[in-house]
Amino acid sequence: MLSRRLFLLRPLVRAPWASTSFFSTRKNYFEEYERSLASPESFWADAAKDIHWFKPYSTVLDQSNSPFNKWFVDGEMNTCYSAVDEHVANGRGDQVAIHYDSPMTGTKIDITYNELLDQVSRFAGALAAEGVTKGDRVVIYMPMVPETAVAMLACARLGAIHSVVFGGFSAKELAIRIQDASPKVILAASCGLEPKGVIEYEALLKGALALSTHQPQRCVILQRSQCEYAIDSPRDVCWDAFVQHATPHACVPVLSTDPLYILYTSGTTGKPKGVVRDNGGHNVALKWVFQHVIGLRPGDTWWAASDFGWVVGHSFIVYGPLFLGCKTVIYEGKPVGTPDAGAFWRVIAEYNVRSMFTAPTALRAIRKEDPNALQVDKYASQMKKHLRSLFVAGERGDPATIEYFMNQLRIPVVDNWWQTEIGFPVCSQMMGMNQTRLDGRECPGIKLGSASRPVPGFDVVLHNHDEPTEDPNEVKEGSILLRLPLPPGCFTTLYNNETEYVSKYMEEHPGFYTTGDAGFIDPDNYVFVCTVTVETCNGQ
């Protein structure tokens, strides 16, 4: 029996953000959710109209080789075009694309879409001159700096497959990823910065290369002023020299089903698994998510306080906000200690952040350092002009923390649940949708302890060996499964390991994806994720 007493005794939170007037002009969640399950091809074909196709797809969904399902078959597009070029072509090149804020160095830089296009196309040209082409792998071992996003987008521009490794990972862990991905090029920085000091990458990268039998043909090093990387091999080159004479490269059309990136899980047992994300499905899903789950519009400022090395860094720092034409914040700092517990609120106020994502751990650290919320009060007048929601995930959002910050910030704090393999929220309040019930009954707001209802596209099912009951008021509990086909944007396989893709995720319950999590669903269809039944992936 799963413990659910704590959750069911907590109060429901009903607030202005759940009112019908706020969502009156938006799509209805209940209608869209039912449509997404009844006719997924029609639902996602509508979403696919919102991205640029160089060549139209012939088939929305191919399930002929399930569970290796394919979305938007034969369609050609380019992820970088959707994230950068399209906004410039539509006359929005002068809008800020990236706010870079580093309290570690005291640096603040704004990069417009025009400037981002220039940097990305020239770096893509440098990679192409090195021989990087569609399907080649590029490992990126870098900190929270704009060049990391540029590198990711440049790979996507060429159709190359990037694999971002969390900056500062050990030589052993980095070596495993280099060995498996077999990159033609490695992009690295000389160091990362933490409050405790400089994290030098040179020994880590060179140590990893000493452990790996695969050797890249080039290592490109971004030299930072805090630490210099010794260029002592013909294979090594400084970033500035690498790109100095590069010719801007155009976007290379790729198939929707071609891989965009490999992201290795950081599980605690066994060999890290390379989650593979495709191009087209990823683009369609994330643009839809930022419109309807997050509730943003082009030009809004979004901030995900995470790291490029996690799935949140891919989906919520780089690709999602840029697909929609938002301004995204790249933050090199911590919730406390850079310099104090007001760091998050300062960034929100300074850049007019509309919505933010962080982990509950960060909020708990802020509350511990500032128990009377004096730092919130300091920035409250500016924050209230723009901030509309705060999303939390990566771990369980404990009710006390969620409730505390809703009371302090006077906005919804939205606990949502997803995984590295999935790539975007499975369950969440839908901040960009009308959440009025079709029968006119009052819609529950945020339920403390719950990740809310399933996002359209996800049929969440609980597996329990006990006899089922037809009682509509039953609280159902068990292992959490997702009915196939998964929506576009989810992982399509494990790199070099199709066998484990099937055995770990698809084999135990045919026709379903096994999440490895357990929980319960209440009569309002709110999902409560309580325990981990097997190893799951770190999605911070």
Protein backbone atom coordinates (compact mmCIF):
# COMPACT_ATOMS: atom_id res chain seq x y z
CA MET A 1 0.00 0.00 0.00
CA LEU A 2 1.37 3.38 -0.98
CA SER A 3 1.31 6.10 1.65
CA ARG A 4 -1.15 8.79 0.61
CA ARG A 5 -2.41 10.16 3.92
CA LEU A 6 -0.16 13.24 3.80
CA PHE A 7 -1.45 14.28 0.41
CA LEU A 8 -5.15 13.68 0.95
CA LEU A 9 -5.19 15.67 4.16
CA ARG A 10 -3.66 18.75 2.56
CA PRO A 11 -6.07 21.47 1.42
CA LEU A 12 -7.01 22.16 -2.16
CA VAL A 13 -5.79 25.52 -3.42
CA ARG A 14 -8.34 27.53 -5.39
CA ALA A 15 -7.16 30.91 -6.54
CA PRO A 16 -7.73 33.56 -9.25
CA TRP A 17 -5.47 31.76 -11.71
CA ALA A 18 -8.00 28.90 -11.86
CA SER A 19 -10.92 31.18 -12.75
CA THR A 20 -12.73 30.86 -16.04
CA SER A 21 -12.18 34.48 -17.05
CA PHE A 22 -8.40 34.12 -17.07
CA PHE A 23 -8.60 31.33 -19.66
CA SER A 24 -11.76 32.40 -21.49
CA THR A 25 -10.10 32.89 -24.88
CA ARG A 26 -7.94 29.76 -24.74
CA LYS A 27 -8.52 26.16 -25.74
CA ASN A 28 -10.37 24.03 -23.22
CA TYR A 29 -8.14 21.50 -21.47
CA PHE A 30 -10.81 18.82 -21.13
CA GLU A 31 -11.79 18.99 -24.80
CA GLU A 32 -8.19 18.96 -25.96
CA TYR A 33 -7.18 16.15 -23.63
CA GLU A 34 -9.97 13.87 -24.85
CA ARG A 35 -9.19 14.74 -28.46
CA SER A 36 -5.49 14.00 -27.97
CA LEU A 37 -6.28 10.46 -26.82
CA ALA A 38 -9.14 9.73 -29.21
CA SER A 39 -7.35 11.05 -32.31
CA PRO A 40 -3.64 11.63 -31.66
CA GLU A 41 -2.84 11.94 -35.37
CA SER A 42 -5.34 14.75 -35.86
CA PHE A 43 -4.35 16.47 -32.61
CA TRP A 44 -0.62 16.55 -33.35
CA ALA A 45 -1.12 17.31 -37.05
CA ASP A 46 -2.81 20.52 -35.93
CA ALA A 47 0.16 21.31 -33.68
CA ALA A 48 2.57 20.56 -36.53
CA LYS A 49 1.03 23.35 -38.61
CA ASP A 50 2.82 25.76 -36.29
CA ILE A 51 6.35 24.84 -37.38
CA HIS A 52 8.22 25.36 -40.64
CA TRP A 53 8.55 22.32 -42.91
CA PHE A 54 10.97 22.38 -45.83
CA LYS A 55 9.13 19.31 -47.10
CA PRO A 56 5.70 18.21 -45.80
CA TYR A 57 5.47 14.90 -43.98
CA SER A 58 3.61 12.02 -45.64
CA THR A 59 2.38 10.27 -42.50
CA VAL A 60 1.62 11.79 -39.11
CA LEU A 61 2.28 8.62 -37.10
CA ASP A 62 3.79 5.32 -38.21
CA GLN A 63 3.19 2.49 -35.71
CA SER A 64 4.20 -0.34 -38.02
CA ASN A 65 7.26 -1.15 -35.88
CA SER A 66 5.92 -0.33 -32.41
CA PRO A 67 7.30 0.57 -29.89
CA PHE A 68 9.70 2.28 -32.33
CA ASN A 69 6.95 4.63 -33.46
CA LYS A 70 7.72 7.51 -35.81
CA TRP A 71 6.11 10.95 -36.00
CA PHE A 72 5.81 13.12 -39.13
CA VAL A 73 7.40 10.56 -41.42
CA ASP A 74 9.30 11.89 -44.47
CA GLY A 75 8.87 15.49 -43.34
CA GLU A 76 11.97 17.69 -43.61
CA MET A 77 12.73 20.59 -41.28
CA ASN A 78 15.57 22.03 -39.23
CA THR A 79 15.51 22.58 -35.48
CA CYS A 80 17.87 25.57 -35.61
CA TYR A 81 15.73 27.24 -38.27
CA SER A 82 12.69 26.97 -36.01
CA ALA A 83 14.60 28.29 -32.99
CA VAL A 84 16.47 31.17 -34.64
CA ASP A 85 16.14 31.84 -38.39
CA GLU A 86 12.36 31.85 -38.44
CA HIS A 87 12.14 34.73 -35.96
CA VAL A 88 14.65 36.78 -37.94
CA ALA A 89 12.75 36.05 -41.16
CA ASN A 90 9.55 37.23 -39.47
CA GLY A 91 11.06 40.60 -38.61
CA ARG A 92 11.87 39.98 -34.97
CA GLY A 93 15.65 39.85 -35.24
CA ASP A 94 16.17 42.85 -32.96
CA GLN A 95 14.33 41.18 -30.08
CA VAL A 96 16.48 39.74 -27.30
CA ALA A 97 16.79 35.96 -27.53
CA ILE A 98 19.15 35.35 -24.58
CA HIS A 99 19.69 37.21 -21.32
CA TYR A 100 23.00 35.95 -19.92
CA ASP A 101 23.45 36.71 -16.23
CA SER A 102 26.50 35.46 -14.34
CA PRO A 103 26.82 36.58 -10.73
CA MET A 104 29.90 34.34 -10.65
CA THR A 105 31.73 36.76 -12.97
CA GLY A 106 29.59 39.89 -12.76
CA THR A 107 28.79 39.55 -16.47
CA LYS A 108 25.48 40.46 -18.08
CA ILE A 109 24.99 40.13 -21.84
CA ASP A 110 21.90 40.43 -24.04
CA ILE A 111 21.96 38.56 -27.35
CA THR A 112 19.34 39.38 -29.98
CA TYR A 113 17.98 36.88 -32.48
CA ASN A 114 20.04 38.60 -35.19
CA GLU A 115 23.19 38.24 -33.12
CA LEU A 116 22.35 34.65 -32.20
CA LEU A 117 21.86 33.79 -35.87
CA ASP A 118 25.26 35.27 -36.71
CA GLN A 119 27.04 33.39 -33.93
CA VAL A 120 25.31 30.08 -34.60
CA SER A 121 25.71 30.16 -38.39
CA ARG A 122 29.40 31.02 -38.14
CA PHE A 123 30.08 28.33 -35.57
CA ALA A 124 28.19 25.86 -37.75
CA GLY A 125 30.45 26.93 -40.61
CA ALA A 126 33.51 26.23 -38.47
CA LEU A 127 32.20 22.77 -37.59
CA ALA A 128 31.41 22.08 -41.25
CA ALA A 129 34.94 23.12 -42.23
CA GLU A 130 36.16 20.54 -39.71
CA GLY A 131 34.16 17.91 -41.59
CA VAL A 132 31.15 17.69 -39.28
CA THR A 133 28.09 16.65 -41.28
CA LYS A 134 24.59 15.32 -40.74
CA GLY A 135 24.58 12.39 -38.33
CA ASP A 136 28.03 13.06 -36.84
CA ARG A 137 28.17 13.28 -33.06
CA VAL A 138 29.57 16.24 -31.13
CA VAL A 139 30.13 16.07 -27.36
CA ILE A 140 29.66 19.38 -25.52
CA TYR A 141 31.33 19.64 -22.09
CA MET A 142 30.67 23.20 -21.04
CA PRO A 143 29.26 25.39 -18.24
CA MET A 144 26.36 27.85 -18.14
CA VAL A 145 27.57 30.27 -20.80
CA PRO A 146 25.88 31.42 -24.05
CA GLU A 147 28.48 29.55 -26.14
CA THR A 148 26.95 26.28 -24.95
CA ALA A 149 23.59 27.19 -26.47
CA VAL A 150 25.37 28.40 -29.62
CA ALA A 151 27.14 25.05 -29.88
CA MET A 152 23.91 23.08 -29.50
CA LEU A 153 22.12 25.15 -32.12
CA ALA A 154 25.08 24.99 -34.51
CA CYS A 155 25.02 21.20 -34.35
CA ALA A 156 21.28 21.21 -35.02
CA ARG A 157 21.86 23.57 -37.95
CA LEU A 158 24.09 20.97 -39.62
CA GLY A 159 22.00 17.96 -38.64
CA ALA A 160 24.83 16.81 -36.37
CA ILE A 161 23.85 15.08 -33.13
CA HIS A 162 24.97 16.84 -29.97
CA SER A 163 25.53 15.16 -26.63
CA VAL A 164 25.81 17.64 -23.78
CA VAL A 165 27.62 16.39 -20.69
CA PHE A 166 27.19 18.19 -17.39
CA GLY A 167 30.23 20.43 -16.92
CA GLY A 168 32.46 19.10 -14.17
CA PHE A 169 31.40 15.45 -14.48
CA SER A 170 34.26 13.11 -13.57
CA ALA A 171 36.76 11.88 -16.13
CA LYS A 172 35.32 8.38 -15.81
CA GLU A 173 31.74 9.48 -16.52
CA LEU A 174 32.85 11.69 -19.39
CA ALA A 175 34.91 8.84 -20.86
CA ILE A 176 31.89 6.53 -20.86
CA ARG A 177 29.92 9.05 -22.87
CA ILE A 178 32.78 9.75 -25.29
CA GLN A 179 33.26 6.03 -25.85
CA ASP A 180 29.58 5.42 -26.54
CA ALA A 181 28.84 8.49 -28.68
CA SER A 182 32.11 8.37 -30.68
CA PRO A 183 32.15 12.13 -31.35
CA LYS A 184 34.01 13.62 -34.29
CA VAL A 185 34.53 16.82 -32.26
CA ILE A 186 34.50 17.69 -28.56
CA LEU A 187 33.60 21.23 -27.50
CA ALA A 188 34.75 22.16 -24.00
CA ALA A 189 35.54 25.12 -21.78
CA SER A 190 38.62 25.67 -19.69
CA CYS A 191 36.55 25.72 -16.51
CA GLY A 192 33.25 26.07 -14.76
CA LEU A 193 32.57 28.34 -11.80
CA GLU A 194 31.04 27.43 -8.46
CA PRO A 195 30.77 29.46 -5.24
CA LYS A 196 33.38 27.15 -3.74
CA GLY A 197 35.85 27.94 -6.52
CA VAL A 198 36.96 27.28 -10.08
CA ILE A 199 36.32 23.79 -11.51
CA GLU A 200 39.13 23.17 -13.98
CA TYR A 201 38.05 21.03 -16.94
CA GLU A 202 41.48 20.31 -18.44
CA ALA A 203 42.41 17.40 -16.19
CA LEU A 204 38.89 16.00 -16.47
CA LEU A 205 38.78 16.10 -20.27
CA LYS A 206 42.31 14.85 -20.79
CA GLY A 207 41.72 12.15 -18.20
CA ALA A 208 38.57 11.06 -20.02
CA LEU A 209 40.38 10.90 -23.35
CA ALA A 210 43.08 8.77 -21.73
CA LEU A 211 40.38 6.30 -20.64
CA SER A 212 38.49 6.22 -23.94
CA THR A 213 39.59 4.15 -26.91
CA HIS A 214 37.65 6.50 -29.18
CA GLN A 215 39.51 9.72 -29.94
CA PRO A 216 37.94 12.81 -31.53
CA GLN A 217 39.68 14.48 -34.42
CA ARG A 218 39.35 17.92 -32.78
CA CYS A 219 38.88 19.44 -29.32
CA VAL A 220 37.70 23.05 -29.36
CA ILE A 221 38.34 24.88 -26.09
CA LEU A 222 36.57 28.00 -24.86
CA GLN A 223 39.21 29.78 -22.79
CA ARG A 224 37.80 31.58 -19.75
CA SER A 225 39.73 34.26 -17.91
CA GLN A 226 39.50 32.40 -14.61
CA CYS A 227 41.50 29.41 -15.88
CA GLU A 228 43.55 28.65 -18.99
CA TYR A 229 43.49 25.28 -20.71
CA ALA A 230 46.91 24.20 -21.99
CA ILE A 231 46.73 23.77 -25.77
CA ASP A 232 49.48 21.17 -26.02
CA SER A 233 48.21 18.91 -28.80
CA PRO A 234 47.71 19.51 -32.53
CA ARG A 235 44.18 18.25 -31.95
CA ASP A 236 43.34 21.14 -29.61
CA VAL A 237 42.31 24.61 -30.77
CA CYS A 238 40.97 27.69 -29.01
CA TRP A 239 37.33 28.57 -29.64
CA ASP A 240 38.05 32.04 -31.03
CA ALA A 241 40.66 30.75 -33.47
CA PHE A 242 38.35 27.94 -34.54
CA VAL A 243 35.57 30.30 -35.57
CA GLN A 244 37.64 33.32 -36.65
CA HIS A 245 37.61 32.71 -40.41
CA ALA A 246 34.46 30.60 -40.59
CA THR A 247 31.87 31.17 -43.30
CA PRO A 248 28.24 31.24 -42.10
CA HIS A 249 26.49 27.97 -42.89
CA ALA A 250 22.85 27.60 -43.93
CA CYS A 251 20.42 25.23 -42.23
CA VAL A 252 20.62 21.65 -43.51
CA PRO A 253 17.17 20.07 -43.99
CA VAL A 254 16.86 16.87 -41.95
CA LEU A 255 14.15 14.27 -41.66
CA SER A 256 11.73 14.72 -38.80
CA THR A 257 12.83 11.32 -37.53
CA ASP A 258 16.56 12.08 -37.66
CA PRO A 259 18.18 12.33 -34.20
CA LEU A 260 18.68 15.80 -32.74
CA TYR A 261 20.59 14.86 -29.62
CA ILE A 262 21.74 12.13 -27.26
CA LEU A 263 21.40 12.84 -23.54
CA TYR A 264 22.89 10.30 -21.18
CA THR A 265 21.01 9.49 -18.01
CA SER A 266 22.74 9.93 -14.70
CA GLY A 267 21.16 6.98 -12.97
CA THR A 268 22.82 5.32 -10.01
CA THR A 269 23.03 1.79 -11.36
CA GLY A 270 24.53 0.36 -14.51
CA LYS A 271 25.87 2.05 -17.60
CA PRO A 272 24.40 5.48 -18.47
CA LYS A 273 21.80 5.19 -21.20
CA GLY A 274 21.81 7.51 -24.20
CA VAL A 275 18.31 8.90 -24.63
CA VAL A 276 17.74 9.80 -28.30
CA ARG A 277 15.42 12.67 -29.25
CA ASP A 278 14.27 13.25 -32.83
CA ASN A 279 14.01 16.61 -34.61
CA GLY A 280 10.46 17.03 -35.85
CA GLY A 281 8.49 15.56 -32.97
CA HIS A 282 10.64 17.47 -30.50
CA ASN A 283 9.99 20.77 -32.29
CA VAL A 284 6.24 20.23 -32.54
CA ALA A 285 5.83 19.10 -28.94
CA LEU A 286 7.96 21.76 -27.25
CA LYS A 287 6.46 24.68 -29.14
CA TRP A 288 3.02 23.38 -28.18
CA VAL A 289 4.11 22.93 -24.54
CA PHE A 290 5.35 26.50 -24.21
CA GLN A 291 2.10 27.82 -25.60
CA HIS A 292 -0.35 25.63 -23.70
CA VAL A 293 1.36 24.16 -20.63
CA ILE A 294 3.59 27.11 -19.72
CA GLY A 295 1.19 29.68 -21.18
CA LEU A 296 3.70 32.01 -22.86
CA ARG A 297 3.59 34.16 -25.98
CA PRO A 298 6.39 35.28 -28.33
CA GLY A 299 8.44 38.00 -26.69
CA ASP A 300 7.77 36.85 -23.12
CA THR A 301 10.76 36.26 -20.86
CA TRP A 302 11.19 32.74 -19.50
CA TRP A 303 13.76 31.45 -17.06
CA ALA A 304 14.60 27.84 -16.25
CA ALA A 305 17.12 27.81 -13.40
CA SER A 306 18.76 24.54 -14.33
CA ASP A 307 21.81 23.34 -16.27
CA PHE A 308 22.43 22.55 -19.93
CA GLY A 309 23.56 19.06 -18.90
CA TRP A 310 20.07 18.00 -17.82
CA VAL A 311 16.95 17.52 -19.90
CA VAL A 312 15.53 20.76 -18.48
CA GLY A 313 18.50 22.59 -19.96
CA HIS A 314 17.70 21.18 -23.39
CA SER A 315 13.92 21.54 -23.35
CA PHE A 316 13.44 24.55 -21.09
CA ILE A 317 16.57 26.71 -21.44
CA VAL A 318 17.38 26.35 -25.14
CA TYR A 319 14.84 24.78 -27.44
CA GLY A 320 11.37 25.33 -25.99
CA PRO A 321 11.54 29.09 -25.36
CA LEU A 322 13.41 29.77 -28.61
CA PHE A 323 10.90 27.77 -30.67
CA LEU A 324 8.20 30.13 -29.42
CA GLY A 325 10.29 33.27 -29.91
CA CYS A 326 10.68 34.02 -26.21
CA LYS A 327 13.59 35.52 -24.32
CA THR A 328 15.41 32.85 -22.32
CA VAL A 329 17.65 33.50 -19.31
CA ILE A 330 20.98 31.69 -19.02
CA TYR A 331 22.03 32.00 -15.39
CA GLU A 332 25.46 31.11 -14.04
CA GLY A 333 24.80 31.22 -10.33
CA LYS A 334 22.98 29.60 -7.44
CA PRO A 335 19.72 30.24 -5.57
CA VAL A 336 21.70 31.28 -2.49
CA GLY A 337 25.26 32.48 -2.03
CA THR A 338 25.51 34.43 -5.31
CA PRO A 339 25.34 36.68 -3.42
CA ASP A 340 22.30 35.97 -1.24
CA ALA A 341 18.82 34.45 -1.08
CA GLY A 342 17.47 37.27 -3.24
CA ALA A 343 19.32 36.11 -6.36
CA PHE A 344 16.28 34.52 -8.02
CA TRP A 345 14.00 37.46 -7.26
CA ARG A 346 16.59 39.92 -8.54
CA VAL A 347 16.79 38.11 -11.90
CA ILE A 348 13.01 37.90 -12.19
CA ALA A 349 12.65 41.62 -11.49
CA GLU A 350 15.53 42.72 -13.70
CA TYR A 351 14.49 40.82 -16.83
CA ASN A 352 10.70 41.00 -16.38
CA VAL A 353 10.44 37.22 -16.19
CA ARG A 354 6.91 36.05 -17.01
CA SER A 355 7.31 32.47 -15.84
CA MET A 356 10.10 30.47 -14.22
CA PHE A 357 11.16 26.88 -13.60
CA THR A 358 13.29 25.58 -10.73
CA ALA A 359 13.64 22.60 -8.39
CA PRO A 360 12.00 22.38 -4.95
CA THR A 361 15.49 22.01 -3.46
CA ALA A 362 16.32 25.55 -4.60
CA LEU A 363 13.16 26.92 -3.01
CA ARG A 364 13.88 25.14 0.25
CA ALA A 365 17.40 26.61 0.29
CA ILE A 366 16.02 30.11 -0.28
CA ARG A 367 13.45 29.70 2.49
CA LYS A 368 16.12 28.46 4.90
CA GLU A 369 18.33 31.49 4.21
CA ASP A 370 15.47 33.99 4.19
CA PRO A 371 12.74 32.57 6.48
CA ASN A 372 10.87 35.87 6.70
CA ALA A 373 10.89 36.40 2.91
CA LEU A 374 12.58 39.78 3.24
CA GLN A 375 14.24 39.29 -0.15
CA VAL A 376 10.86 38.59 -1.75
CA ASP A 377 9.57 41.85 -0.29
CA LYS A 378 12.60 43.70 -1.67
CA TYR A 379 11.72 42.84 -5.28
CA ALA A 380 7.96 42.34 -4.94
CA SER A 381 6.84 45.59 -6.59
CA GLN A 382 8.72 44.80 -9.79
CA MET A 383 8.01 41.06 -9.83
CA LYS A 384 4.26 41.48 -9.52
CA LYS A 385 4.16 43.45 -12.77
CA HIS A 386 5.23 40.45 -14.83
CA LEU A 387 5.65 37.15 -12.96
CA ARG A 388 2.62 34.91 -13.49
CA SER A 389 3.74 31.39 -12.55
CA LEU A 390 6.55 29.31 -11.08
CA PHE A 391 7.03 25.71 -12.23
CA VAL A 392 8.87 23.14 -10.11
CA ALA A 393 10.04 19.62 -10.97
CA GLY A 394 13.05 17.30 -10.84
CA GLU A 395 11.97 15.90 -7.47
CA ARG A 396 8.85 15.74 -5.34
CA GLY A 397 7.46 19.17 -4.54
CA ASP A 398 6.67 18.92 -0.84
CA PRO A 399 3.36 20.63 0.06
CA ALA A 400 4.88 22.89 2.72
CA THR A 401 7.34 24.46 0.27
CA ILE A 402 4.78 24.84 -2.52
CA GLU A 403 2.22 26.45 -0.22
CA TYR A 404 4.78 28.78 1.36
CA PHE A 405 5.94 30.24 -1.95
CA MET A 406 2.42 30.54 -3.34
CA ASN A 407 1.57 32.63 -0.29
CA GLN A 408 4.73 34.74 -0.58
CA LEU A 409 4.69 35.30 -4.35
CA ARG A 410 0.90 35.32 -4.81
CA ILE A 411 1.16 33.28 -7.99
CA PRO A 412 0.58 29.60 -8.81
CA VAL A 413 3.52 27.36 -7.99
CA VAL A 414 3.00 24.50 -10.43
CA ASP A 415 4.41 21.12 -9.49
CA ASN A 416 4.85 19.06 -12.65
CA TRP A 417 6.23 15.60 -13.35
CA TRP A 418 8.37 14.35 -16.23
CA GLN A 419 11.52 12.40 -17.00
CA THR A 420 14.63 12.64 -19.14
CA GLU A 421 13.14 10.07 -21.49
CA ILE A 422 9.93 12.04 -21.99
CA GLY A 423 11.44 15.50 -22.43
CA PHE A 424 8.53 17.67 -21.23
CA PRO A 425 5.79 17.53 -18.57
CA VAL A 426 3.60 14.44 -18.39
CA CYS A 427 1.41 16.02 -15.72
CA SER A 428 0.95 19.72 -15.00
CA GLN A 429 -1.51 22.52 -14.52
CA MET A 430 -2.16 23.91 -18.00
CA MET A 431 -1.36 27.60 -17.65
CA GLY A 432 -2.18 28.32 -21.28
CA MET A 433 -5.56 26.59 -21.39
CA ASN A 434 -9.09 27.17 -20.19
CA GLN A 435 -9.56 24.61 -17.40
CA THR A 436 -13.34 24.87 -17.05
CA ARG A 437 -15.04 21.49 -16.86
CA LEU A 438 -17.29 20.63 -19.77
CA ASP A 439 -20.18 19.95 -17.37
CA GLY A 440 -19.79 23.39 -15.82
CA ARG A 441 -18.71 22.09 -12.40
CA GLU A 442 -16.03 23.98 -10.50
CA CYS A 443 -12.53 23.01 -11.56
CA PRO A 444 -10.12 22.18 -8.74
CA GLY A 445 -7.06 24.36 -8.62
CA ILE A 446 -3.63 23.25 -7.49
CA LYS A 447 -3.70 20.26 -5.15
CA LEU A 448 -0.70 20.30 -2.87
CA GLY A 449 1.37 17.17 -3.31
CA SER A 450 0.05 16.48 -6.81
CA ALA A 451 1.63 17.07 -10.20
CA SER A 452 -1.91 17.84 -11.42
CA ARG A 453 -3.64 16.19 -14.37
CA PRO A 454 -2.06 14.51 -17.39
CA VAL A 455 -0.96 16.82 -20.19
CA PRO A 456 -2.79 16.24 -23.50
CA GLY A 457 -1.14 13.37 -25.34
CA PHE A 458 -0.45 11.28 -22.23
CA ASP A 459 -2.78 8.46 -21.20
CA VAL A 460 -1.62 7.80 -17.63
CA VAL A 461 -2.55 4.34 -16.33
CA LEU A 462 -1.87 2.68 -12.99
CA HIS A 463 -0.95 -1.00 -12.78
CA ASN A 464 -1.96 -2.78 -9.59
CA HIS A 465 -2.10 -6.52 -8.95
CA ASP A 466 -5.17 -6.04 -6.74
CA GLU A 467 -8.63 -6.57 -8.18
CA PRO A 468 -9.92 -3.41 -9.88
CA THR A 469 -13.08 -1.68 -8.73
CA GLU A 470 -15.59 0.34 -10.74
CA ASP A 471 -16.18 2.84 -7.91
CA PRO A 472 -15.82 6.32 -9.54
CA ASN A 473 -14.74 7.78 -6.20
CA GLU A 474 -11.93 5.28 -5.80
CA VAL A 475 -8.38 6.53 -5.32
CA LYS A 476 -6.44 4.32 -7.72
CA GLU A 477 -2.85 3.45 -6.90
CA GLY A 478 -0.02 1.43 -8.42
CA SER A 479 2.90 1.61 -10.83
CA ILE A 480 2.60 4.50 -13.28
CA LEU A 481 2.42 3.51 -16.95
CA LEU A 482 1.90 5.57 -20.10
CA ARG A 483 -0.14 4.06 -22.88
CA LEU A 484 1.56 3.85 -26.28
CA PRO A 485 2.01 5.56 -28.61
CA LEU A 486 3.85 8.22 -26.66
CA PRO A 487 3.27 11.72 -28.06
CA PRO A 488 5.87 13.35 -30.31
CA GLY A 489 8.96 14.69 -28.57
CA CYS A 490 9.53 11.65 -26.36
CA PHE A 491 12.63 9.50 -26.75
CA THR A 492 12.65 7.27 -29.80
CA THR A 493 15.29 4.76 -28.67
CA LEU A 494 18.48 4.41 -26.63
CA TYR A 495 21.65 5.14 -28.56
CA ASN A 496 23.35 1.92 -29.67
CA ASN A 497 20.99 -0.02 -27.41
CA GLU A 498 17.59 -0.77 -28.92
CA THR A 499 17.43 -3.99 -26.91
CA GLU A 500 17.41 -2.18 -23.56
CA TYR A 501 14.95 0.40 -24.90
CA VAL A 502 12.48 -2.47 -25.25
CA SER A 503 13.44 -4.52 -22.20
CA LYS A 504 13.63 -1.66 -19.70
CA TYR A 505 10.70 0.45 -20.80
CA MET A 506 8.31 -1.48 -23.07
CA GLU A 507 8.49 -5.21 -22.37
CA GLU A 508 7.02 -5.61 -18.88
CA HIS A 509 3.64 -4.18 -19.85
CA PRO A 510 3.09 -4.59 -23.62
CA GLY A 511 1.44 -1.54 -25.11
CA PHE A 512 2.69 0.70 -22.32
CA TYR A 513 5.79 2.66 -21.32
CA THR A 514 6.96 1.76 -17.81
CA THR A 515 7.95 4.97 -16.01
CA GLY A 516 9.57 3.33 -12.99
CA ASP A 517 7.50 5.56 -10.71
CA ALA A 518 4.50 4.73 -8.55
CA GLY A 519 1.68 6.79 -7.17
CA PHE A 520 -2.07 7.24 -7.18
CA ILE A 521 -4.77 9.09 -9.09
CA ASP A 522 -7.71 10.70 -7.32
CA PRO A 523 -11.29 11.00 -8.62
CA ASP A 524 -10.48 14.38 -10.23
CA ASN A 525 -7.74 12.63 -12.28
CA TYR A 526 -4.95 14.38 -10.36
CA VAL A 527 -1.76 12.33 -10.33
CA PHE A 528 0.29 11.98 -7.14
CA VAL A 529 3.79 10.57 -7.72
CA CYS A 530 4.89 9.04 -4.43
CA THR A 531 7.70 6.55 -4.86
CA VAL A 532 10.29 5.27 -7.29
CA THR A 533 9.86 1.58 -8.08
CA VAL A 534 13.05 1.20 -10.12
CA GLU A 535 15.97 3.38 -11.13
CA THR A 536 14.74 6.48 -12.94
CA CYS A 537 16.61 9.26 -14.61
CA ASN A 538 17.73 12.55 -13.14
CA GLY A 539 15.65 15.21 -14.90
CA GLN A 540 16.95 18.32 -13.18
